[in-house]
Amino acid sequence: MRIRRKQKSFILRSAQQEEALHRIWYALRSGIYLRRMCLRGTKVLGRVKY
């Protein structure tokens, strides 16, 4: 009985850790993407002749 509880607990913790890592990875990737878009936007605006 105890072994099954430990297995379930381990699986649950593993799933939670995987989800947390995925969220961190996605947030970092989104931040990099947004920074690139902002840099491109300023470069494009700098080229526009008024």
PDB file of N, CA and C in Angstrom:
ATOM      1  N   MET A   1       0.823  -1.190   0.000  1.00  0.00           N
ATOM      2  CA  MET A   1       0.000   0.000   0.000  1.00  0.00           C
ATOM      3  C   MET A   1       0.870   1.258   0.000  1.00  0.00           C
ATOM      4  N   ARG A   2       1.909   1.275   0.834  1.00  0.00           N
ATOM      5  CA  ARG A   2       2.762   2.463   0.928  1.00  0.00           C
ATOM      6  C   ARG A   2       3.500   2.743  -0.377  1.00  0.00           C
ATOM      7  N   ILE A   3       3.890   1.671  -1.057  1.00  0.00           N
ATOM      8  CA  ILE A   3       4.633   1.845  -2.303  1.00  0.00           C
ATOM      9  C   ILE A   3       3.761   2.555  -3.331  1.00  0.00           C
ATOM     10  N   ARG A   4       2.520   2.181  -3.432  1.00  0.00           N
ATOM     11  CA  ARG A   4       1.614   2.809  -4.393  1.00  0.00           C
ATOM     12  C   ARG A   4       1.418   4.295  -4.075  1.00  0.00           C
ATOM     13  N   ARG A   5       1.306   4.625  -2.821  1.00  0.00           N
ATOM     14  CA  ARG A   5       1.149   6.034  -2.439  1.00  0.00           C
ATOM     15  C   ARG A   5       2.386   6.830  -2.824  1.00  0.00           C
ATOM     16  N   LYS A   6       3.562   6.242  -2.591  1.00  0.00           N
ATOM     17  CA  LYS A   6       4.802   6.932  -2.949  1.00  0.00           C
ATOM     18  C   LYS A   6       4.905   7.099  -4.457  1.00  0.00           C
ATOM     19  N   GLN A   7       4.485   6.085  -5.202  1.00  0.00           N
ATOM     20  CA  GLN A   7       4.526   6.178  -6.658  1.00  0.00           C
ATOM     21  C   GLN A   7       3.593   7.279  -7.146  1.00  0.00           C
ATOM     22  N   LYS A   8       2.389   7.322  -6.614  1.00  0.00           N
ATOM     23  CA  LYS A   8       1.436   8.356  -7.007  1.00  0.00           C
ATOM     24  C   LYS A   8       1.962   9.733  -6.646  1.00  0.00           C
ATOM     25  N   SER A   9       2.540   9.845  -5.467  1.00  0.00           N
ATOM     26  CA  SER A   9       3.094  11.117  -5.029  1.00  0.00           C
ATOM     27  C   SER A   9       4.232  11.546  -5.948  1.00  0.00           C
ATOM     28  N   PHE A  10       5.096  10.604  -6.304  1.00  0.00           N
ATOM     29  CA  PHE A  10       6.221  10.905  -7.191  1.00  0.00           C
ATOM     30  C   PHE A  10       5.725  11.326  -8.571  1.00  0.00           C
ATOM     31  N   ILE A  11       4.739  10.602  -9.090  1.00  0.00           N
ATOM     32  CA  ILE A  11       4.193  10.936 -10.407  1.00  0.00           C
ATOM     33  C   ILE A  11       3.550  12.310 -10.381  1.00  0.00           C
ATOM     34  N   LEU A  12       2.816  12.606  -9.327  1.00  0.00           N
ATOM     35  CA  LEU A  12       2.172  13.910  -9.203  1.00  0.00           C
ATOM     36  C   LEU A  12       3.211  15.018  -9.143  1.00  0.00           C
ATOM     37  N   ARG A  13       4.262  14.833  -8.333  1.00  0.00           N
ATOM     38  CA  ARG A  13       5.320  15.843  -8.236  1.00  0.00           C
ATOM     39  C   ARG A  13       6.027  16.016  -9.576  1.00  0.00           C
ATOM     40  N   SER A  14       6.280  14.928 -10.274  1.00  0.00           N
ATOM     41  CA  SER A  14       6.946  14.996 -11.574  1.00  0.00           C
ATOM     42  C   SER A  14       6.102  15.785 -12.566  1.00  0.00           C
ATOM     43  N   ALA A  15       4.810  15.533 -12.561  1.00  0.00           N
ATOM     44  CA  ALA A  15       3.911  16.244 -13.471  1.00  0.00           C
ATOM     45  C   ALA A  15       3.869  17.731 -13.128  1.00  0.00           C
ATOM     46  N   GLN A  16       3.846  18.059 -11.857  1.00  0.00           N
ATOM     47  CA  GLN A  16       3.827  19.461 -11.442  1.00  0.00           C
ATOM     48  C   GLN A  16       5.123  20.160 -11.829  1.00  0.00           C
ATOM     49  N   GLN A  17       6.247  19.482 -11.662  1.00  0.00           N
ATOM     50  CA  GLN A  17       7.533  20.063 -12.037  1.00  0.00           C
ATOM     51  C   GLN A  17       7.612  20.272 -13.542  1.00  0.00           C
ATOM     52  N   GLU A  18       7.124  19.316 -14.300  1.00  0.00           N
ATOM     53  CA  GLU A  18       7.138  19.439 -15.758  1.00  0.00           C
ATOM     54  C   GLU A  18       6.274  20.623 -16.198  1.00  0.00           C
ATOM     55  N   GLU A  19       5.117  20.772 -15.588  1.00  0.00           N
ATOM     56  CA  GLU A  19       4.239  21.886 -15.921  1.00  0.00           C
ATOM     57  C   GLU A  19       4.894  23.217 -15.561  1.00  0.00           C
ATOM     58  N   ALA A  20       5.546  23.288 -14.420  1.00  0.00           N
ATOM     59  CA  ALA A  20       6.222  24.519 -14.005  1.00  0.00           C
ATOM     60  C   ALA A  20       7.354  24.862 -14.962  1.00  0.00           C
ATOM     61  N   LEU A  21       8.142  23.870 -15.361  1.00  0.00           N
ATOM     62  CA  LEU A  21       9.227  24.117 -16.313  1.00  0.00           C
ATOM     63  C   LEU A  21       8.682  24.585 -17.659  1.00  0.00           C
ATOM     64  N   HIS A  22       7.571  23.992 -18.083  1.00  0.00           N
ATOM     65  CA  HIS A  22       6.956  24.400 -19.345  1.00  0.00           C
ATOM     66  C   HIS A  22       6.496  25.856 -19.274  1.00  0.00           C
ATOM     67  N   ARG A  23       5.899  26.237 -18.153  1.00  0.00           N
ATOM     68  CA  ARG A  23       5.450  27.631 -17.996  1.00  0.00           C
ATOM     69  C   ARG A  23       6.627  28.598 -18.005  1.00  0.00           C
ATOM     70  N   ILE A  24       7.710  28.233 -17.327  1.00  0.00           N
ATOM     71  CA  ILE A  24       8.906  29.085 -17.302  1.00  0.00           C
ATOM     72  C   ILE A  24       9.482  29.207 -18.705  1.00  0.00           C
ATOM     73  N   TRP A  25       9.605  28.083 -19.406  1.00  0.00           N
ATOM     74  CA  TRP A  25      10.145  28.082 -20.767  1.00  0.00           C
ATOM     75  C   TRP A  25       9.290  28.954 -21.678  1.00  0.00           C
ATOM     76  N   TYR A  26       7.967  28.807 -21.578  1.00  0.00           N
ATOM     77  CA  TYR A  26       7.061  29.589 -22.418  1.00  0.00           C
ATOM     78  C   TYR A  26       7.175  31.078 -22.106  1.00  0.00           C
ATOM     79  N   ALA A  27       7.270  31.422 -20.828  1.00  0.00           N
ATOM     80  CA  ALA A  27       7.391  32.832 -20.437  1.00  0.00           C
ATOM     81  C   ALA A  27       8.695  33.428 -20.953  1.00  0.00           C
ATOM     82  N   LEU A  28       9.780  32.684 -20.835  1.00  0.00           N
ATOM     83  CA  LEU A  28      11.064  33.170 -21.342  1.00  0.00           C
ATOM     84  C   LEU A  28      11.025  33.326 -22.855  1.00  0.00           C
ATOM     85  N   ARG A  29      10.459  32.360 -23.521  1.00  0.00           N
ATOM     86  CA  ARG A  29      10.383  32.427 -24.983  1.00  0.00           C
ATOM     87  C   ARG A  29       9.499  33.591 -25.420  1.00  0.00           C
ATOM     88  N   SER A  30       8.393  33.811 -24.742  1.00  0.00           N
ATOM     89  CA  SER A  30       7.510  34.929 -25.072  1.00  0.00           C
ATOM     90  C   SER A  30       8.229  36.251 -24.858  1.00  0.00           C
ATOM     91  N   GLY A  31       9.001  36.343 -23.787  1.00  0.00           N
ATOM     92  CA  GLY A  31       9.752  37.565 -23.509  1.00  0.00           C
ATOM     93  C   GLY A  31      10.778  37.852 -24.581  1.00  0.00           C
ATOM     94  N   ILE A  32      11.475  36.820 -25.043  1.00  0.00           N
ATOM     95  CA  ILE A  32      12.465  36.989 -26.107  1.00  0.00           C
ATOM     96  C   ILE A  32      11.764  37.426 -27.385  1.00  0.00           C
ATOM     97  N   TYR A  33      10.639  36.802 -27.700  1.00  0.00           N
ATOM     98  CA  TYR A  33       9.886  37.140 -28.902  1.00  0.00           C
ATOM     99  C   TYR A  33       9.408  38.587 -28.847  1.00  0.00           C
ATOM    100  N   LEU A  34       8.888  39.003 -27.695  1.00  0.00           N
ATOM    101  CA  LEU A  34       8.403  40.375 -27.564  1.00  0.00           C
ATOM    102  C   LEU A  34       9.537  41.378 -27.699  1.00  0.00           C
ATOM    103  N   ARG A  35      10.707  41.070 -27.116  1.00  0.00           N
ATOM    104  CA  ARG A  35      11.858  41.969 -27.247  1.00  0.00           C
ATOM    105  C   ARG A  35      12.275  42.114 -28.697  1.00  0.00           C
ATOM    106  N   ARG A  36      12.294  41.011 -29.426  1.00  0.00           N
ATOM    107  CA  ARG A  36      12.664  41.063 -30.848  1.00  0.00           C
ATOM    108  C   ARG A  36      11.678  41.913 -31.625  1.00  0.00           C
ATOM    109  N   MET A  37      10.395  41.745 -31.338  1.00  0.00           N
ATOM    110  CA  MET A  37       9.379  42.522 -32.051  1.00  0.00           C
ATOM    111  C   MET A  37       9.517  44.006 -31.732  1.00  0.00           C
ATOM    112  N   CYS A  38       9.814  44.335 -30.489  1.00  0.00           N
ATOM    113  CA  CYS A  38       9.999  45.739 -30.113  1.00  0.00           C
ATOM    114  C   CYS A  38      11.206  46.324 -30.828  1.00  0.00           C
ATOM    115  N   LEU A  39      12.292  45.566 -30.900  1.00  0.00           N
ATOM    116  CA  LEU A  39      13.486  46.046 -31.591  1.00  0.00           C
ATOM    117  C   LEU A  39      13.212  46.232 -33.073  1.00  0.00           C
ATOM    118  N   ARG A  40      12.499  45.310 -33.676  1.00  0.00           N
ATOM    119  CA  ARG A  40      12.151  45.444 -35.095  1.00  0.00           C
ATOM    120  C   ARG A  40      11.263  46.659 -35.303  1.00  0.00           C
ATOM    121  N   GLY A  41      10.329  46.867 -34.403  1.00  0.00           N
ATOM    122  CA  GLY A  41       9.429  48.016 -34.517  1.00  0.00           C
ATOM    123  C   GLY A  41      10.183  49.329 -34.474  1.00  0.00           C
ATOM    124  N   THR A  42      11.165  49.452 -33.598  1.00  0.00           N
ATOM    125  CA  THR A  42      11.927  50.698 -33.517  1.00  0.00           C
ATOM    126  C   THR A  42      12.798  50.876 -34.746  1.00  0.00           C
ATOM    127  N   LYS A  43      13.317  49.782 -35.299  1.00  0.00           N
ATOM    128  CA  LYS A  43      14.121  49.880 -36.520  1.00  0.00           C
ATOM    129  C   LYS A  43      13.252  50.319 -37.689  1.00  0.00           C
ATOM    130  N   VAL A  44      12.055  49.765 -37.776  1.00  0.00           N
ATOM    131  CA  VAL A  44      11.141  50.131 -38.861  1.00  0.00           C
ATOM    132  C   VAL A  44      10.733  51.586 -38.728  1.00  0.00           C
ATOM    133  N   LEU A  45      10.409  52.021 -37.528  1.00  0.00           N
ATOM    134  CA  LEU A  45      10.018  53.417 -37.329  1.00  0.00           C
ATOM    135  C   LEU A  45      11.170  54.360 -37.636  1.00  0.00           C
ATOM    136  N   GLY A  46      12.389  53.935 -37.373  1.00  0.00           N
ATOM    137  CA  GLY A  46      13.555  54.764 -37.669  1.00  0.00           C
ATOM    138  C   GLY A  46      13.763  54.951 -39.159  1.00  0.00           C
ATOM    139  N   ARG A  47      13.301  54.020 -39.971  1.00  0.00           N
ATOM    140  CA  ARG A  47      13.458  54.097 -41.425  1.00  0.00           C
ATOM    141  C   ARG A  47      12.373  54.927 -42.091  1.00  0.00           C
ATOM    142  N   VAL A  48      11.266  55.120 -41.406  1.00  0.00           N
ATOM    143  CA  VAL A  48      10.142  55.853 -41.997  1.00  0.00           C
ATOM    144  C   VAL A  48      10.501  57.324 -42.120  1.00  0.00           C
ATOM    145  N   LYS A  49      10.271  57.876 -43.315  1.00  0.00           N
ATOM    146  CA  LYS A  49      10.532  59.306 -43.540  1.00  0.00           C
ATOM    147  C   LYS A  49       9.226  60.064 -43.350  1.00  0.00           C
ATOM    148  N   TYR A  50       9.280  61.082 -42.529  1.00  0.00           N
ATOM    149  CA  TYR A  50       8.067  61.853 -42.238  1.00  0.00           C
ATOM    150  C   TYR A  50       7.970  63.038 -43.159  1.00  0.00           C
TER     151      TYR A  50
END
